[in-house]
Amino acid sequence: MIPKVVVKESELHGKGLFAGEVINKGQLIGKVKGRKTRKDGPHVLWLDNDDDCAVGIHVTCSLKYINHSKQANVCYLADRRVLALKDIGIDEELTHDYGDDWN
């Protein structure tokens, strides 16, 4: 079962995605929906495919509101799934480490 998540104002950056219920480590949070793109921009997620080539996805679902943090609690997988890296409490913001090139 996919856990409830809520979009609301974030102290990190604009809007963020927050746990609406407890999310357990390893739990599937959702699957990214969107369209492939070659242009970078807001809400574009870059994932490595099987050939180690980056594929851009312009995210169109609520998962686009996952903000950056070096202490990330979720991760994106190449098949577009988003998994919890640790237990996440109610109202805790979901974060992903965008990498060293992120400002």
Protein backbone atom coordinates (compact mmCIF):
# COMPACT_ATOMS: atom_id res chain seq x y z
CA MET A 1 0.00 0.00 0.00
CA ILE A 2 1.31 3.46 -0.95
CA PRO A 3 1.56 5.77 2.09
CA LYS A 4 -0.29 9.07 2.25
CA VAL A 5 1.86 12.11 1.43
CA VAL A 6 0.93 15.79 1.56
CA VAL A 7 2.24 18.83 -0.33
CA LYS A 8 2.70 21.91 1.86
CA GLU A 9 5.06 24.82 2.49
CA SER A 10 8.66 23.78 3.18
CA GLU A 11 11.34 25.46 5.26
CA LEU A 12 13.89 24.01 2.81
CA HIS A 13 12.52 25.38 -0.46
CA GLY A 14 9.06 26.59 -1.51
CA LYS A 15 6.75 23.60 -1.37
CA GLY A 16 7.73 20.19 -0.08
CA LEU A 17 6.30 16.70 0.23
CA PHE A 18 5.54 15.47 3.75
CA ALA A 19 4.56 12.13 5.26
CA GLY A 20 0.85 11.99 6.06
CA GLU A 21 1.46 8.78 8.00
CA VAL A 22 4.44 6.77 9.26
CA ILE A 23 6.55 5.45 6.38
CA ASN A 24 8.78 2.49 7.13
CA LYS A 25 12.36 2.04 5.91
CA GLY A 26 12.31 0.30 2.51
CA GLN A 27 8.66 1.11 1.88
CA LEU A 28 7.59 2.14 -1.61
CA ILE A 29 6.40 5.75 -1.52
CA GLY A 30 5.34 5.94 -5.14
CA LYS A 31 6.40 5.84 -8.76
CA VAL A 32 7.38 8.99 -10.65
CA LYS A 33 4.96 9.99 -13.38
CA GLY A 34 6.10 12.32 -16.11
CA ARG A 35 7.48 12.60 -19.59
CA LYS A 36 11.01 12.25 -20.90
CA THR A 37 12.87 15.45 -21.65
CA ARG A 38 16.32 16.54 -22.79
CA LYS A 39 16.05 19.98 -21.20
CA ASP A 40 16.85 20.66 -17.57
CA GLY A 41 14.52 22.82 -15.50
CA PRO A 42 12.17 22.89 -12.53
CA HIS A 43 10.82 19.46 -11.58
CA VAL A 44 13.19 17.61 -13.97
CA LEU A 45 14.64 14.46 -12.43
CA TRP A 46 17.77 12.95 -13.99
CA LEU A 47 18.08 9.17 -13.61
CA ASP A 48 20.77 6.83 -14.92
CA ASN A 49 19.37 4.12 -17.20
CA ASP A 50 20.87 0.66 -17.82
CA ASP A 51 23.48 2.17 -20.16
CA ASP A 52 24.65 4.64 -17.48
CA CYS A 53 23.19 7.47 -19.56
CA ALA A 54 21.16 10.14 -17.79
CA VAL A 55 17.50 10.31 -18.73
CA GLY A 56 15.52 13.44 -17.87
CA ILE A 57 11.96 13.05 -16.59
CA HIS A 58 9.76 16.14 -16.23
CA VAL A 59 7.87 15.00 -13.13
CA THR A 60 4.12 15.68 -13.21
CA CYS A 61 3.00 14.02 -9.96
CA SER A 62 3.31 15.14 -6.32
CA LEU A 63 6.74 13.45 -6.05
CA LYS A 64 8.13 16.53 -7.82
CA TYR A 65 7.98 18.32 -4.45
CA ILE A 66 10.69 16.15 -2.83
CA ASN A 67 13.39 18.66 -1.88
CA HIS A 68 17.18 18.24 -1.62
CA SER A 69 19.03 17.33 1.56
CA LYS A 70 22.41 15.73 2.23
CA GLN A 71 20.58 13.86 5.04
CA ALA A 72 18.08 12.36 2.56
CA ASN A 73 15.38 10.00 3.75
CA VAL A 74 14.19 8.78 0.32
CA CYS A 75 15.84 7.72 -2.93
CA TYR A 76 14.81 7.56 -6.57
CA LEU A 77 15.56 4.33 -8.41
CA ALA A 78 16.25 4.03 -12.16
CA ASP A 79 12.82 2.43 -12.69
CA ARG A 80 11.23 5.63 -11.25
CA ARG A 81 10.29 4.11 -7.87
CA VAL A 82 10.80 6.20 -4.74
CA LEU A 83 11.77 4.27 -1.59
CA ALA A 84 12.22 5.27 2.04
CA LEU A 85 15.87 5.06 3.17
CA LYS A 86 14.85 5.13 6.83
CA ASP A 87 11.72 5.33 8.97
CA ILE A 88 9.91 8.63 8.34
CA GLY A 89 7.55 10.11 10.92
CA ILE A 90 4.22 11.85 10.35
CA ASP A 91 4.71 15.44 9.06
CA GLU A 92 8.41 14.81 8.32
CA GLU A 93 9.51 16.26 4.98
CA LEU A 94 10.63 13.78 2.32
CA THR A 95 14.10 14.63 0.98
CA HIS A 96 16.48 13.24 -1.62
CA ASP A 97 20.21 13.94 -2.10
CA TYR A 98 20.40 15.56 -5.56
CA GLY A 99 24.19 15.14 -5.60
CA ASP A 100 27.26 17.33 -5.34
CA ASP A 101 26.36 19.53 -8.32
CA TRP A 102 23.18 20.76 -6.61
CA ASN A 103 23.33 24.34 -5.28
